Amino acid sequence: MICIGLIVRLAEYLNTTGSARWQEFGITQNYFDRGGIFMGIMVCAPLLMVCLCMLIHMIREASNLLKDVTQMKHTAKSRQKAKKEEGKKKKDEKKNTGPRRSQRTNKKKD
């Protein structure tokens, strides 16, 4: 992207250089005008379209990654919550299933 940006930025300089040396390129007509329309249409426009497509793709990819991260956070929270509830249930079951102290003392007396 940086190289593309540099080429677009240097298009004016490249256009003036092409205007001065158009005969050395082996073309029969000077396409390099003062306004730089030739360089703008033939070089800069396609490069800028490629950059725009890359930007759209990167934004879409970042959006998808953000969705994935938030989904992972929610699943991690729900798993953690489920583990806590499971741990509480096990503790409650241990308390309820074990013999109580008063029952233990009554058995010893008999």
Protein backbone atom coordinates (compact mmCIF):
# COMPACT_ATOMS: atom_id res chain seq x y z
CA MET A 1 0.00 0.00 0.00
CA ILE A 2 2.87 2.32 0.74
CA CYS A 3 4.39 1.73 -2.70
CA ILE A 4 1.05 2.41 -4.35
CA GLY A 5 0.70 5.61 -2.35
CA LEU A 6 4.17 6.73 -3.39
CA ILE A 7 3.44 6.06 -7.06
CA VAL A 8 0.21 8.07 -6.87
CA ARG A 9 1.97 10.85 -5.01
CA LEU A 10 4.82 10.96 -7.58
CA ALA A 11 2.46 10.86 -10.57
CA GLU A 12 2.93 14.57 -11.27
CA TYR A 13 6.71 14.21 -11.30
CA LEU A 14 6.46 11.11 -13.50
CA ASN A 15 4.14 12.99 -15.85
CA THR A 16 6.56 15.91 -16.27
CA THR A 17 9.43 13.48 -16.82
CA GLY A 18 7.37 11.60 -19.41
CA SER A 19 6.45 14.87 -21.11
CA ALA A 20 10.11 15.82 -21.42
CA ARG A 21 11.25 12.39 -22.69
CA TRP A 22 8.26 10.96 -24.54
CA GLN A 23 10.29 10.37 -27.70
CA GLU A 24 12.71 8.09 -25.85
CA PHE A 25 9.85 5.76 -24.91
CA GLY A 26 9.25 4.87 -28.56
CA ILE A 27 5.74 6.32 -28.78
CA THR A 28 4.60 8.46 -31.69
CA GLN A 29 2.54 10.97 -29.75
CA ASN A 30 3.04 12.93 -26.51
CA TYR A 31 0.38 11.62 -24.12
CA PHE A 32 1.86 13.37 -21.09
CA ASP A 33 -0.02 16.67 -20.84
CA ARG A 34 0.56 19.47 -18.35
CA GLY A 35 -2.47 18.63 -16.22
CA GLY A 36 -1.38 15.01 -15.74
CA ILE A 37 -4.66 13.54 -16.98
CA PHE A 38 -2.87 10.68 -18.78
CA MET A 39 -1.02 9.61 -15.64
CA GLY A 40 -4.16 10.10 -13.59
CA ILE A 41 -6.27 7.88 -15.81
CA MET A 42 -3.74 5.25 -16.85
CA VAL A 43 -1.74 4.88 -13.63
CA CYS A 44 -3.38 6.49 -10.61
CA ALA A 45 -7.03 5.53 -11.16
CA PRO A 46 -6.38 1.74 -11.31
CA LEU A 47 -4.06 1.92 -8.32
CA LEU A 48 -6.58 3.91 -6.31
CA MET A 49 -9.30 1.39 -7.20
CA VAL A 50 -7.06 -1.43 -5.97
CA CYS A 51 -6.45 0.50 -2.74
CA LEU A 52 -10.17 1.05 -2.31
CA CYS A 53 -10.86 -2.66 -2.77
CA MET A 54 -8.11 -3.52 -0.28
CA LEU A 55 -9.53 -1.06 2.22
CA ILE A 56 -13.04 -2.49 1.91
CA HIS A 57 -11.67 -6.01 2.30
CA MET A 58 -9.67 -5.05 5.41
CA ILE A 59 -12.67 -3.35 7.00
CA ARG A 60 -14.83 -6.40 6.30
CA GLU A 61 -12.17 -8.70 7.75
CA ALA A 62 -11.82 -6.54 10.87
CA SER A 63 -15.59 -6.60 11.30
CA ASN A 64 -15.67 -10.38 11.06
CA LEU A 65 -12.82 -10.70 13.55
CA LEU A 66 -14.60 -8.37 15.96
CA LYS A 67 -17.74 -10.51 15.72
CA ASP A 68 -15.70 -13.64 16.40
CA VAL A 69 -14.02 -12.09 19.43
CA THR A 70 -17.31 -10.94 20.96
CA GLN A 71 -18.83 -14.37 20.33
CA MET A 72 -15.86 -16.03 22.04
CA LYS A 73 -16.22 -13.70 25.02
CA HIS A 74 -19.90 -14.57 25.38
CA THR A 75 -19.26 -18.31 25.16
CA ALA A 76 -16.45 -18.03 27.71
CA LYS A 77 -18.72 -16.13 30.08
CA SER A 78 -21.52 -18.66 29.71
CA ARG A 79 -19.10 -21.56 30.31
CA GLN A 80 -17.70 -19.86 33.37
CA LYS A 81 -21.20 -19.21 34.68
CA ALA A 82 -22.19 -22.82 34.04
CA LYS A 83 -19.10 -24.06 35.92
CA LYS A 84 -19.93 -21.87 38.91
CA GLU A 85 -23.51 -23.13 38.99
CA GLU A 86 -22.32 -26.72 38.66
CA GLY A 87 -19.88 -26.21 41.52
CA LYS A 88 -22.63 -24.76 43.72
CA LYS A 89 -24.92 -27.69 42.92
CA LYS A 90 -22.22 -30.19 43.85
CA LYS A 91 -21.60 -28.42 47.15
CA ASP A 92 -25.32 -28.38 47.90
CA GLU A 93 -25.62 -32.08 47.04
CA LYS A 94 -22.72 -32.95 49.34
CA LYS A 95 -24.33 -31.02 52.16
CA ASN A 96 -27.73 -32.63 51.62
CA THR A 97 -26.57 -36.23 51.08
CA GLY A 98 -24.11 -36.56 53.97
CA PRO A 99 -25.36 -37.62 57.46
CA ARG A 100 -26.13 -34.77 59.75
CA ARG A 101 -24.47 -34.35 63.08
CA SER A 102 -27.64 -34.94 65.05
CA GLN A 103 -28.19 -38.22 63.22
CA ARG A 104 -24.63 -39.31 63.99
CA THR A 105 -25.01 -38.69 67.71
CA ASN A 106 -28.32 -40.58 67.82
CA LYS A 107 -26.72 -43.64 66.22
CA LYS A 108 -23.92 -43.68 68.79
CA LYS A 109 -26.37 -43.60 71.67
CA ASP A 110 -28.31 -46.64 70.41
